[in-house]
C-alpha atoms as a PDB file:
ATOM      1  CA  MET A   1      -0.699  -2.189  47.904  1.00  0.00           C
ATOM      2  CA  LYS A   2      -1.749   1.394  48.425  1.00  0.00           C
ATOM      3  CA  LYS A   3      -4.936   2.638  46.765  1.00  0.00           C
ATOM      4  CA  SER A   4      -2.912   5.082  44.597  1.00  0.00           C
ATOM      5  CA  ALA A   5      -0.782   2.312  43.217  1.00  0.00           C
ATOM      6  CA  LYS A   6      -3.815   0.214  42.489  1.00  0.00           C
ATOM      7  CA  ALA A   7      -5.476   3.118  40.727  1.00  0.00           C
ATOM      8  CA  LEU A   8      -2.364   3.576  38.625  1.00  0.00           C
ATOM      9  CA  LEU A   9      -2.109  -0.052  37.727  1.00  0.00           C
ATOM     10  CA  GLY A  10      -5.865  -0.054  36.936  1.00  0.00           C
ATOM     11  CA  THR A  11      -5.516   2.972  34.744  1.00  0.00           C
ATOM     12  CA  GLY A  12      -2.579   1.447  32.909  1.00  0.00           C
ATOM     13  CA  ALA A  13      -4.436  -1.828  32.356  1.00  0.00           C
ATOM     14  CA  LEU A  14      -7.418   0.165  30.959  1.00  0.00           C
ATOM     15  CA  PHE A  15      -5.173   2.070  28.644  1.00  0.00           C
ATOM     16  CA  PHE A  16      -3.411  -1.003  27.327  1.00  0.00           C
ATOM     17  CA  GLY A  17      -6.733  -2.817  26.986  1.00  0.00           C
ATOM     18  CA  THR A  18      -8.193   0.028  24.846  1.00  0.00           C
ATOM     19  CA  GLY A  19      -5.107  -0.136  22.712  1.00  0.00           C
ATOM     20  CA  LEU A  20      -5.410  -3.765  22.316  1.00  0.00           C
ATOM     21  CA  VAL A  21      -8.978  -3.571  21.187  1.00  0.00           C
ATOM     22  CA  MET A  22      -8.120  -1.208  18.251  1.00  0.00           C
ATOM     23  CA  ASN A  23      -5.141  -3.137  17.450  1.00  0.00           C
ATOM     24  CA  THR A  24      -7.217  -6.413  17.238  1.00  0.00           C
ATOM     25  CA  PHE A  25      -9.946  -4.390  15.293  1.00  0.00           C
ATOM     26  CA  VAL A  26      -7.749  -2.870  12.828  1.00  0.00           C
ATOM     27  CA  LEU A  27      -4.336  -4.538  12.407  1.00  0.00           C
ATOM     28  CA  THR A  28      -4.884  -8.374  12.584  1.00  0.00           C
ATOM     29  CA  ARG A  29      -5.637 -10.288   9.587  1.00  0.00           C
ATOM     30  CA  THR A  30      -8.913 -11.720  11.320  1.00  0.00           C
ATOM     31  CA  SER A  31     -10.006  -8.293  12.346  1.00  0.00           C
ATOM     32  CA  LYS A  32     -13.656  -6.963  12.329  1.00  0.00           C
ATOM     33  CA  LYS A  33     -12.442  -3.961  10.404  1.00  0.00           C
ATOM     34  CA  VAL A  34     -10.700  -5.956   7.665  1.00  0.00           C
ATOM     35  CA  SER A  35     -13.816  -8.067   7.390  1.00  0.00           C
ATOM     36  CA  GLU A  36     -16.154  -5.179   6.993  1.00  0.00           C
ATOM     37  CA  LEU A  37     -13.879  -3.520   4.355  1.00  0.00           C
ATOM     38  CA  LYS A  38     -13.478  -6.808   2.545  1.00  0.00           C
ATOM     39  CA  LYS A  39     -17.265  -7.068   2.375  1.00  0.00           C
ATOM     40  CA  SER A  40     -17.566  -3.411   1.162  1.00  0.00           C
ATOM     41  CA  ILE A  41     -15.073  -4.072  -1.561  1.00  0.00           C
ATOM     42  CA  GLU A  42     -16.780  -7.368  -2.603  1.00  0.00           C
ATOM     43  CA  GLU A  43     -20.054  -5.478  -2.838  1.00  0.00           C
ATOM     44  CA  LYS A  44     -18.384  -2.838  -4.927  1.00  0.00           C
ATOM     45  CA  ASN A  45     -16.778  -5.399  -7.123  1.00  0.00           C
ATOM     46  CA  ASN A  46     -20.158  -6.954  -7.798  1.00  0.00           C
ATOM     47  CA  PRO A  47     -22.378  -3.862  -8.555  1.00  0.00           C
ATOM     48  CA  THR A  48     -25.965  -4.104  -9.821  1.00  0.00           C
ATOM     49  CA  ASP A  49     -25.008  -2.405 -13.030  1.00  0.00           C
ATOM     50  CA  LYS A  50     -21.993  -4.497 -14.368  1.00  0.00           C
ATOM     51  CA  THR A  51     -22.245  -2.546 -17.753  1.00  0.00           C
ATOM     52  CA  ALA A  52     -20.983   0.806 -16.198  1.00  0.00           C
ATOM     53  CA  PRO A  53     -17.580   1.718 -17.849  1.00  0.00           C
ATOM     54  CA  LYS A  54     -15.578   1.447 -14.600  1.00  0.00           C
ATOM     55  CA  GLU A  55     -17.113  -1.683 -13.632  1.00  0.00           C
ATOM     56  CA  ILE A  56     -16.031  -3.327 -16.964  1.00  0.00           C
ATOM     57  CA  LEU A  57     -12.550  -2.100 -16.281  1.00  0.00           C
ATOM     58  CA  ARG A  58     -12.624  -3.449 -12.706  1.00  0.00           C
ATOM     59  CA  ALA A  59     -13.802  -6.936 -13.996  1.00  0.00           C
ATOM     60  CA  GLU A  60     -11.233  -6.978 -16.645  1.00  0.00           C
ATOM     61  CA  GLY A  61      -8.527  -6.431 -14.109  1.00  0.00           C
ATOM     62  CA  ASP A  62      -9.924  -8.946 -11.654  1.00  0.00           C
ATOM     63  CA  ALA A  63      -9.861 -11.663 -14.243  1.00  0.00           C
ATOM     64  CA  TRP A  64      -6.357 -10.833 -15.703  1.00  0.00           C
ATOM     65  CA  VAL A  65      -4.159 -12.523 -13.173  1.00  0.00           C
ATOM     66  CA  ASP A  66      -6.107 -15.812 -13.225  1.00  0.00           C
ATOM     67  CA  SER A  67      -5.988 -15.814 -16.982  1.00  0.00           C
ATOM     68  CA  LYS A  68      -2.180 -15.798 -16.872  1.00  0.00           C
ATOM     69  CA  ASP A  69       0.234 -18.552 -16.136  1.00  0.00           C
ATOM     70  CA  TYR A  70       1.616 -17.070 -12.964  1.00  0.00           C
ATOM     71  CA  ASP A  71       4.203 -18.407 -10.574  1.00  0.00           C
ATOM     72  CA  HIS A  72       3.807 -18.257  -6.701  1.00  0.00           C
ATOM     73  CA  VAL A  73       7.259 -17.347  -5.554  1.00  0.00           C
ATOM     74  CA  VAL A  74       8.288 -17.616  -1.857  1.00  0.00           C
ATOM     75  CA  ILE A  75      11.565 -16.182  -0.306  1.00  0.00           C
ATOM     76  CA  LYS A  76      12.976 -15.469   2.984  1.00  0.00           C
ATOM     77  CA  ASN A  77      13.145 -11.849   4.000  1.00  0.00           C
ATOM     78  CA  ARG A  78      15.941 -10.440   6.209  1.00  0.00           C
ATOM     79  CA  LYS A  79      14.232 -11.760   9.414  1.00  0.00           C
ATOM     80  CA  ASN A  80      14.414 -15.323   7.787  1.00  0.00           C
ATOM     81  CA  GLU A  81      10.534 -15.154   7.550  1.00  0.00           C
ATOM     82  CA  PRO A  82       8.721 -16.355   4.375  1.00  0.00           C
ATOM     83  CA  ILE A  83       7.150 -13.690   2.152  1.00  0.00           C
ATOM     84  CA  HIS A  84       4.955 -14.395  -0.962  1.00  0.00           C
ATOM     85  CA  SER A  85       4.513 -12.962  -4.352  1.00  0.00           C
ATOM     86  CA  LEU A  86       2.786 -13.828  -7.557  1.00  0.00           C
ATOM     87  CA  VAL A  87       4.891 -13.398 -10.766  1.00  0.00           C
ATOM     88  CA  VAL A  88       3.709 -12.888 -14.301  1.00  0.00           C
ATOM     89  CA  LYS A  89       6.338 -12.994 -16.867  1.00  0.00           C
ATOM     90  CA  ALA A  90       6.274 -10.825 -20.051  1.00  0.00           C
ATOM     91  CA  GLU A  91       5.186 -12.406 -23.313  1.00  0.00           C
ATOM     92  CA  GLU A  92       8.688 -11.790 -24.746  1.00  0.00           C
ATOM     93  CA  GLU A  93      12.000 -11.735 -22.791  1.00  0.00           C
ATOM     94  CA  SER A  94      12.305  -8.347 -21.000  1.00  0.00           C
ATOM     95  CA  ASP A  95      14.412  -6.592 -18.400  1.00  0.00           C
ATOM     96  CA  LYS A  96      11.476  -4.345 -17.404  1.00  0.00           C
ATOM     97  CA  TRP A  97       9.917  -5.306 -13.969  1.00  0.00           C
ATOM     98  CA  LEU A  98       6.911  -3.915 -12.127  1.00  0.00           C
ATOM     99  CA  ILE A  99       6.429  -4.511  -8.445  1.00  0.00           C
ATOM    100  CA  CYS A 100       2.833  -3.730  -8.024  1.00  0.00           C
ATOM    101  CA  ILE A 101       1.812  -3.184  -4.459  1.00  0.00           C
ATOM    102  CA  HIS A 102      -1.772  -3.763  -3.147  1.00  0.00           C
ATOM    103  CA  GLY A 103      -3.719  -1.762  -0.544  1.00  0.00           C
ATOM    104  CA  TYR A 104      -5.379  -2.475   2.857  1.00  0.00           C
ATOM    105  CA  THR A 105      -7.724  -5.581   2.718  1.00  0.00           C
ATOM    106  CA  SER A 106      -6.656  -6.323  -0.864  1.00  0.00           C
ATOM    107  CA  SER A 107      -4.404  -8.925  -2.277  1.00  0.00           C
ATOM    108  CA  PRO A 108      -1.864  -9.526  -5.084  1.00  0.00           C
ATOM    109  CA  LYS A 109      -4.650 -10.546  -7.447  1.00  0.00           C
ATOM    110  CA  GLY A 110      -6.503  -7.396  -6.572  1.00  0.00           C
ATOM    111  CA  MET A 111      -3.852  -5.488  -8.403  1.00  0.00           C
ATOM    112  CA  GLY A 112      -4.680  -6.917 -11.764  1.00  0.00           C
ATOM    113  CA  SER A 113      -6.263  -3.872 -13.208  1.00  0.00           C
ATOM    114  CA  TYR A 114      -2.956  -2.048 -12.696  1.00  0.00           C
ATOM    115  CA  ALA A 115      -0.512  -4.772 -13.590  1.00  0.00           C
ATOM    116  CA  LEU A 116      -2.132  -5.713 -16.970  1.00  0.00           C
ATOM    117  CA  HIS A 117      -1.286  -2.145 -18.395  1.00  0.00           C
ATOM    118  CA  TYR A 118       2.290  -2.679 -17.614  1.00  0.00           C
ATOM    119  CA  HIS A 119       2.202  -6.321 -18.919  1.00  0.00           C
ATOM    120  CA  LYS A 120       0.707  -5.113 -22.263  1.00  0.00           C
ATOM    121  CA  ARG A 121       3.929  -2.816 -22.446  1.00  0.00           C
ATOM    122  CA  GLY A 122       6.202  -5.746 -22.142  1.00  0.00           C
ATOM    123  CA  TYR A 123       6.850  -5.703 -18.265  1.00  0.00           C
ATOM    124  CA  ASN A 124       7.312  -8.574 -16.135  1.00  0.00           C
ATOM    125  CA  VAL A 125       5.094  -8.178 -13.059  1.00  0.00           C
ATOM    126  CA  LEU A 126       5.742  -9.051  -9.386  1.00  0.00           C
ATOM    127  CA  LEU A 127       2.710  -8.797  -7.094  1.00  0.00           C
ATOM    128  CA  PRO A 128       3.808  -9.064  -3.530  1.00  0.00           C
ATOM    129  CA  CYS A 129       1.562 -10.005  -0.595  1.00  0.00           C
ATOM    130  CA  LEU A 130       1.792  -7.375   2.232  1.00  0.00           C
ATOM    131  CA  ARG A 131       1.839  -8.488   5.856  1.00  0.00           C
ATOM    132  CA  GLY A 132      -1.315  -9.813   7.321  1.00  0.00           C
ATOM    133  CA  HIS A 133      -3.130 -10.070   3.947  1.00  0.00           C
ATOM    134  CA  ASP A 134      -4.120 -13.032   1.772  1.00  0.00           C
ATOM    135  CA  ILE A 135      -1.321 -15.567   1.434  1.00  0.00           C
ATOM    136  CA  SER A 136       0.894 -13.822   3.844  1.00  0.00           C
ATOM    137  CA  GLU A 137       2.079 -15.798   6.831  1.00  0.00           C
ATOM    138  CA  HIS A 138       2.291 -12.718   9.042  1.00  0.00           C
ATOM    139  CA  LYS A 139      -0.420 -12.204  11.802  1.00  0.00           C
ATOM    140  CA  TYR A 140      -0.222  -8.539  11.964  1.00  0.00           C
ATOM    141  CA  ILE A 141      -0.788  -5.806   9.328  1.00  0.00           C
ATOM    142  CA  THR A 142       1.911  -3.156   9.451  1.00  0.00           C
ATOM    143  CA  MET A 143       0.474  -0.512   7.165  1.00  0.00           C
ATOM    144  CA  GLY A 144       3.540  -0.363   4.932  1.00  0.00           C
ATOM    145  CA  TRP A 145       6.218   0.343   7.577  1.00  0.00           C
ATOM    146  CA  LEU A 146       7.661  -3.148   7.889  1.00  0.00           C
ATOM    147  CA  ASP A 147       6.449  -4.008   4.448  1.00  0.00           C
ATOM    148  CA  ARG A 148       8.909  -1.516   3.055  1.00  0.00           C
ATOM    149  CA  LEU A 149      11.671  -3.805   4.150  1.00  0.00           C
ATOM    150  CA  ASP A 150      10.062  -6.861   2.462  1.00  0.00           C
ATOM    151  CA  ILE A 151       9.794  -4.824  -0.700  1.00  0.00           C
ATOM    152  CA  ILE A 152      13.508  -4.007  -0.615  1.00  0.00           C
ATOM    153  CA  ASP A 153      14.147  -7.846  -0.113  1.00  0.00           C
ATOM    154  CA  TRP A 154      12.064  -8.441  -3.301  1.00  0.00           C
ATOM    155  CA  ILE A 155      14.038  -5.841  -5.120  1.00  0.00           C
ATOM    156  CA  GLN A 156      17.263  -7.604  -4.048  1.00  0.00           C
ATOM    157  CA  TYR A 157      15.569 -10.987  -5.147  1.00  0.00           C
ATOM    158  CA  LEU A 158      14.967  -9.574  -8.669  1.00  0.00           C
ATOM    159  CA  SER A 159      18.450  -8.036  -8.833  1.00  0.00           C
ATOM    160  CA  LYS A 160      20.213 -11.289  -8.036  1.00  0.00           C
ATOM    161  CA  THR A 161      17.867 -13.520 -10.121  1.00  0.00           C
ATOM    162  CA  TYR A 162      17.692 -11.603 -13.274  1.00  0.00           C
ATOM    163  CA  ASN A 163      20.163  -9.610 -15.402  1.00  0.00           C
ATOM    164  CA  ASN A 164      20.111  -5.949 -14.706  1.00  0.00           C
ATOM    165  CA  PRO A 165      16.316  -5.569 -14.181  1.00  0.00           C
ATOM    166  CA  GLN A 166      14.818  -2.155 -14.563  1.00  0.00           C
ATOM    167  CA  ILE A 167      12.357  -1.890 -11.692  1.00  0.00           C
ATOM    168  CA  VAL A 168       9.269   0.253 -11.310  1.00  0.00           C
ATOM    169  CA  LEU A 169       7.263   0.435  -8.025  1.00  0.00           C
ATOM    170  CA  HIS A 170       3.558   1.149  -8.376  1.00  0.00           C
ATOM    171  CA  GLY A 171       1.470   1.176  -5.144  1.00  0.00           C
ATOM    172  CA  VAL A 172      -2.157   1.947  -4.365  1.00  0.00           C
ATOM    173  CA  SER A 173      -3.506   3.298  -0.947  1.00  0.00           C
ATOM    174  CA  MET A 174      -1.514   1.312   1.640  1.00  0.00           C
ATOM    175  CA  GLY A 175       0.536  -0.074  -1.232  1.00  0.00           C
ATOM    176  CA  ALA A 176       1.333   3.713  -2.300  1.00  0.00           C
ATOM    177  CA  ALA A 177       2.394   4.300   1.327  1.00  0.00           C
ATOM    178  CA  THR A 178       4.595   1.238   1.186  1.00  0.00           C
ATOM    179  CA  THR A 179       6.043   2.472  -1.986  1.00  0.00           C
ATOM    180  CA  MET A 180       6.805   5.952  -0.592  1.00  0.00           C
ATOM    181  CA  MET A 181       8.329   4.452   2.551  1.00  0.00           C
ATOM    182  CA  THR A 182      10.461   2.192   0.607  1.00  0.00           C
ATOM    183  CA  THR A 183      11.828   5.082  -1.580  1.00  0.00           C
ATOM    184  CA  GLY A 184      13.031   6.741   1.639  1.00  0.00           C
ATOM    185  CA  GLU A 185      15.578   3.922   1.995  1.00  0.00           C
ATOM    186  CA  ASP A 186      18.955   3.442   0.164  1.00  0.00           C
ATOM    187  CA  LEU A 187      17.755   1.669  -2.964  1.00  0.00           C
ATOM    188  CA  PRO A 188      19.876   0.261  -5.765  1.00  0.00           C
ATOM    189  CA  PHE A 189      20.252   2.162  -9.060  1.00  0.00           C
ATOM    190  CA  ASN A 190      18.088  -0.130 -10.968  1.00  0.00           C
ATOM    191  CA  VAL A 191      14.852   1.029  -9.118  1.00  0.00           C
ATOM    192  CA  LYS A 192      14.176   3.582 -11.814  1.00  0.00           C
ATOM    193  CA  CYS A 193      11.055   5.349 -10.585  1.00  0.00           C
ATOM    194  CA  ALA A 194       7.873   5.020  -8.452  1.00  0.00           C
ATOM    195  CA  VAL A 195       4.104   5.649  -8.807  1.00  0.00           C
ATOM    196  CA  ALA A 196       2.197   6.465  -5.518  1.00  0.00           C
ATOM    197  CA  ASP A 197      -1.598   6.503  -6.026  1.00  0.00           C
ATOM    198  CA  CYS A 198      -3.665   7.908  -3.123  1.00  0.00           C
ATOM    199  CA  GLY A 199      -1.207   7.192  -0.355  1.00  0.00           C
ATOM    200  CA  TYR A 200      -1.512   8.665   3.212  1.00  0.00           C
ATOM    201  CA  SER A 201       1.021  11.035   4.862  1.00  0.00           C
ATOM    202  CA  SER A 202       1.535   8.829   7.780  1.00  0.00           C
ATOM    203  CA  VAL A 203      -0.115   5.885   9.549  1.00  0.00           C
ATOM    204  CA  TRP A 204      -0.818   8.195  12.514  1.00  0.00           C
ATOM    205  CA  ASP A 205      -2.468  10.870  10.222  1.00  0.00           C
ATOM    206  CA  GLU A 206      -4.545   8.293   8.436  1.00  0.00           C
ATOM    207  CA  PHE A 207      -5.795   6.597  11.645  1.00  0.00           C
ATOM    208  CA  LYS A 208      -6.460   9.991  13.191  1.00  0.00           C
ATOM    209  CA  ASN A 209      -8.535  11.054  10.088  1.00  0.00           C
ATOM    210  CA  GLU A 210     -10.482   7.712  10.111  1.00  0.00           C
ATOM    211  CA  MET A 211     -11.379   7.977  13.887  1.00  0.00           C
ATOM    212  CA  LYS A 212     -12.624  11.503  13.307  1.00  0.00           C
ATOM    213  CA  GLU A 213     -14.626  10.949  10.063  1.00  0.00           C
ATOM    214  CA  SER A 214     -15.998   7.486  10.667  1.00  0.00           C
ATOM    215  CA  TYR A 215     -16.258   7.169  14.479  1.00  0.00           C
ATOM    216  CA  HIS A 216     -16.329  10.860  15.502  1.00  0.00           C
ATOM    217  CA  THR A 217     -13.774  10.127  18.324  1.00  0.00           C
ATOM    218  CA  PRO A 218     -10.681  12.076  19.202  1.00  0.00           C
ATOM    219  CA  ALA A 219      -7.180  10.479  19.004  1.00  0.00           C
ATOM    220  CA  PHE A 220      -6.740  10.497  22.780  1.00  0.00           C
ATOM    221  CA  PRO A 221      -6.697   7.914  24.385  1.00  0.00           C
ATOM    222  CA  VAL A 222      -7.567   5.188  21.879  1.00  0.00           C
ATOM    223  CA  LEU A 223      -4.937   6.128  19.148  1.00  0.00           C
ATOM    224  CA  TYR A 224      -2.322   6.587  21.751  1.00  0.00           C
ATOM    225  CA  ALA A 225      -2.962   3.381  23.278  1.00  0.00           C
ATOM    226  CA  ALA A 226      -3.254   1.480  20.152  1.00  0.00           C
ATOM    227  CA  ASN A 227       0.123   2.972  19.134  1.00  0.00           C
ATOM    228  CA  LEU A 228       1.697   1.551  22.394  1.00  0.00           C
ATOM    229  CA  VAL A 229       0.246  -1.925  21.779  1.00  0.00           C
ATOM    230  CA  THR A 230       1.294  -2.048  18.241  1.00  0.00           C
ATOM    231  CA  ASN A 231       4.828  -1.255  19.226  1.00  0.00           C
ATOM    232  CA  VAL A 232       4.743  -4.163  21.584  1.00  0.00           C
ATOM    233  CA  LEU A 233       2.985  -6.693  19.319  1.00  0.00           C
ATOM    234  CA  SER A 234       3.978  -5.718  15.817  1.00  0.00           C
ATOM    235  CA  GLY A 235       7.216  -3.667  16.322  1.00  0.00           C
ATOM    236  CA  PHE A 236       6.389  -0.375  14.611  1.00  0.00           C
ATOM    237  CA  ASP A 237       5.251   2.991  15.628  1.00  0.00           C
ATOM    238  CA  PHE A 238       2.328   4.888  13.834  1.00  0.00           C
ATOM    239  CA  LYS A 239       4.149   8.269  13.993  1.00  0.00           C
ATOM    240  CA  LYS A 240       7.471   6.849  12.758  1.00  0.00           C
ATOM    241  CA  ALA A 241       5.749   5.116   9.921  1.00  0.00           C
ATOM    242  CA  SER A 242       5.627   8.426   7.987  1.00  0.00           C
ATOM    243  CA  CYS A 243       5.651   8.881   4.276  1.00  0.00           C
ATOM    244  CA  VAL A 244       6.410  12.398   4.562  1.00  0.00           C
ATOM    245  CA  GLU A 245       9.577  11.914   6.673  1.00  0.00           C
ATOM    246  CA  GLN A 246      10.750   9.040   4.241  1.00  0.00           C
ATOM    247  CA  LEU A 247       9.992  11.040   1.228  1.00  0.00           C
ATOM    248  CA  LYS A 248      12.390  13.805   2.498  1.00  0.00           C
ATOM    249  CA  LYS A 249      15.237  11.188   1.879  1.00  0.00           C
ATOM    250  CA  SER A 250      14.029   9.846  -1.392  1.00  0.00           C
ATOM    251  CA  LYS A 251      16.131   9.849  -4.581  1.00  0.00           C
ATOM    252  CA  THR A 252      13.663   7.861  -6.551  1.00  0.00           C
ATOM    253  CA  PRO A 253      11.669   9.777  -9.165  1.00  0.00           C
ATOM    254  CA  THR A 254       8.031   9.566  -8.177  1.00  0.00           C
ATOM    255  CA  ILE A 255       4.788  10.566  -9.646  1.00  0.00           C
ATOM    256  CA  PHE A 256       1.951  11.112  -7.089  1.00  0.00           C
ATOM    257  CA  LEU A 257      -1.636  10.646  -8.233  1.00  0.00           C
ATOM    258  CA  HIS A 258      -4.849  11.087  -6.065  1.00  0.00           C
ATOM    259  CA  GLY A 259      -8.656  11.173  -6.540  1.00  0.00           C
ATOM    260  CA  GLU A 260     -10.226  14.559  -5.757  1.00  0.00           C
ATOM    261  CA  LYS A 261     -13.195  12.986  -4.057  1.00  0.00           C
ATOM    262  CA  ASP A 262     -11.063  10.682  -1.958  1.00  0.00           C
ATOM    263  CA  LEU A 263     -12.457  10.638   1.776  1.00  0.00           C
ATOM    264  CA  PHE A 264     -10.777   7.444   3.033  1.00  0.00           C
ATOM    265  CA  VAL A 265      -7.306   8.818   2.354  1.00  0.00           C
ATOM    266  CA  PRO A 266      -8.018  12.555   2.215  1.00  0.00           C
ATOM    267  CA  TYR A 267      -7.138  14.437  -0.951  1.00  0.00           C
ATOM    268  CA  ARG A 268      -5.140  16.950   1.078  1.00  0.00           C
ATOM    269  CA  MET A 269      -2.543  14.236   1.830  1.00  0.00           C
ATOM    270  CA  LEU A 270      -1.439  14.506  -1.774  1.00  0.00           C
ATOM    271  CA  ASP A 271       0.239  17.858  -1.256  1.00  0.00           C
ATOM    272  CA  LEU A 272       1.677  16.786   2.009  1.00  0.00           C
ATOM    273  CA  ASN A 273       3.529  13.925   0.283  1.00  0.00           C
ATOM    274  CA  TYR A 274       4.383  15.743  -2.976  1.00  0.00           C
ATOM    275  CA  ASN A 275       5.852  18.786  -1.105  1.00  0.00           C
ATOM    276  CA  ALA A 276       7.934  16.566   1.199  1.00  0.00           C
ATOM    277  CA  ALA A 277       9.456  14.617  -1.623  1.00  0.00           C
ATOM    278  CA  ALA A 278      13.153  15.528  -2.319  1.00  0.00           C
ATOM    279  CA  CYS A 279      13.178  13.464  -5.566  1.00  0.00           C
ATOM    280  CA  GLU A 280      12.369  14.371  -9.101  1.00  0.00           C
ATOM    281  CA  LYS A 281       8.550  14.423  -9.014  1.00  0.00           C
ATOM    282  CA  GLU A 282       5.193  15.196 -10.568  1.00  0.00           C
ATOM    283  CA  LYS A 283       1.523  15.168  -9.244  1.00  0.00           C
ATOM    284  CA  VAL A 284      -1.662  14.570 -10.890  1.00  0.00           C
ATOM    285  CA  SER A 285      -5.159  15.375  -9.600  1.00  0.00           C
ATOM    286  CA  ILE A 286      -7.876  12.930 -10.793  1.00  0.00           C
ATOM    287  CA  PRO A 287     -11.416  14.728 -10.899  1.00  0.00           C
ATOM    288  CA  ASP A 288     -14.467  12.853  -9.568  1.00  0.00           C
ATOM    289  CA  ALA A 289     -12.413   9.895  -8.403  1.00  0.00           C
ATOM    290  CA  GLU A 290     -13.147   8.366  -4.999  1.00  0.00           C
ATOM    291  CA  HIS A 291     -10.531   6.183  -3.150  1.00  0.00           C
ATOM    292  CA  ALA A 292      -8.458   3.951  -5.287  1.00  0.00           C
ATOM    293  CA  GLU A 293     -10.722   4.558  -8.314  1.00  0.00           C
ATOM    294  CA  ALA A 294      -8.622   7.118 -10.282  1.00  0.00           C
ATOM    295  CA  HIS A 295      -7.577   4.479 -12.871  1.00  0.00           C
ATOM    296  CA  LEU A 296     -11.309   3.527 -13.376  1.00  0.00           C
ATOM    297  CA  VAL A 297     -12.938   6.925 -13.410  1.00  0.00           C
ATOM    298  CA  HIS A 298     -10.445   8.692 -15.899  1.00  0.00           C
ATOM    299  CA  PRO A 299      -8.278   5.776 -17.316  1.00  0.00           C
ATOM    300  CA  GLU A 300      -6.764   7.749 -20.206  1.00  0.00           C
ATOM    301  CA  LEU A 301      -5.772  10.659 -17.961  1.00  0.00           C
ATOM    302  CA  TYR A 302      -4.392   8.219 -15.381  1.00  0.00           C
ATOM    303  CA  TRP A 303      -2.414   5.959 -17.701  1.00  0.00           C
ATOM    304  CA  ASP A 304      -1.139   8.676 -19.987  1.00  0.00           C
ATOM    305  CA  ALA A 305       0.239  10.450 -16.853  1.00  0.00           C
ATOM    306  CA  VAL A 306       1.766   7.314 -15.473  1.00  0.00           C
ATOM    307  CA  PHE A 307       3.619   6.083 -18.605  1.00  0.00           C
ATOM    308  CA  ASN A 308       4.593   9.588 -19.817  1.00  0.00           C
ATOM    309  CA  PHE A 309       6.364   9.761 -16.347  1.00  0.00           C
ATOM    310  CA  VAL A 310       7.669   6.056 -16.184  1.00  0.00           C
ATOM    311  CA  GLU A 311       9.106   6.139 -19.743  1.00  0.00           C
ATOM    312  CA  LYS A 312      11.453   8.895 -18.966  1.00  0.00           C
ATOM    313  CA  TYR A 313      13.297   6.551 -16.675  1.00  0.00           C
ATOM    314  CA  VAL A 314      12.611   3.024 -18.151  1.00  0.00           C
ATOM    315  CA  LYS A 315      13.917   2.488 -21.676  1.00  0.00           C
END
């Protein structure tokens, strides 16, 4: 083999290997990045001062799901793969349903502090497990892109199982991205509206920002390599996984919320998503709120905005 060919093969192998490292670090359920973030979340959930108002609210939410007689529901998605959700029925019979979608490194139970507010208003709650998380049987995390198809399968499950359910989607962080990506698809009429809390504009933009802010590295070559590897292993593309592009096709009324001190998913992404959305829409900025803490920092502002919007569409 000629030296030039060997050099080309070596370069290709190095490029692919670089991408494999990032994919393993960020997008597998056993990854170091996931472990680090879980530890950070656990420390945040177990603060020294547990009497702080937002910590009381967080603890209330964490305990809520376990306090309920929930069902663990498993169905097969369109690829004949098992997908999992927890279901908490309303106290009285109701046609109102919330699909409450968790973020990166979180879990269905981690959405308790959101779900309880809907449950108090008479909603049934379905808490899906996204790919590569908690009770999911998928190995790879897909950042909302393939999850959007699973959410549609859950919508179809509710529509077939219950009589004319009115469905609301409410997602946070990666769950918000999943929500926005889902609304770009052709959804049935009974998906009444959506709530997107601190979602990124695209997977590419989010990873690029994280590399710059946390690791002080440029997108090339690592992000390009990781995108190639992820296409091979997980079947999705960082650039194609775009909330902005999906929202251009959305017909689902959506309220966009974002904490003004969010650095993990930059606050500037609020306007990128909002401006792209072709649907009926509102946006709400939450002062002083860091990532995924808007509902804890200003709960009255947050929930008044959410339910003033949702109740326009769910009767």
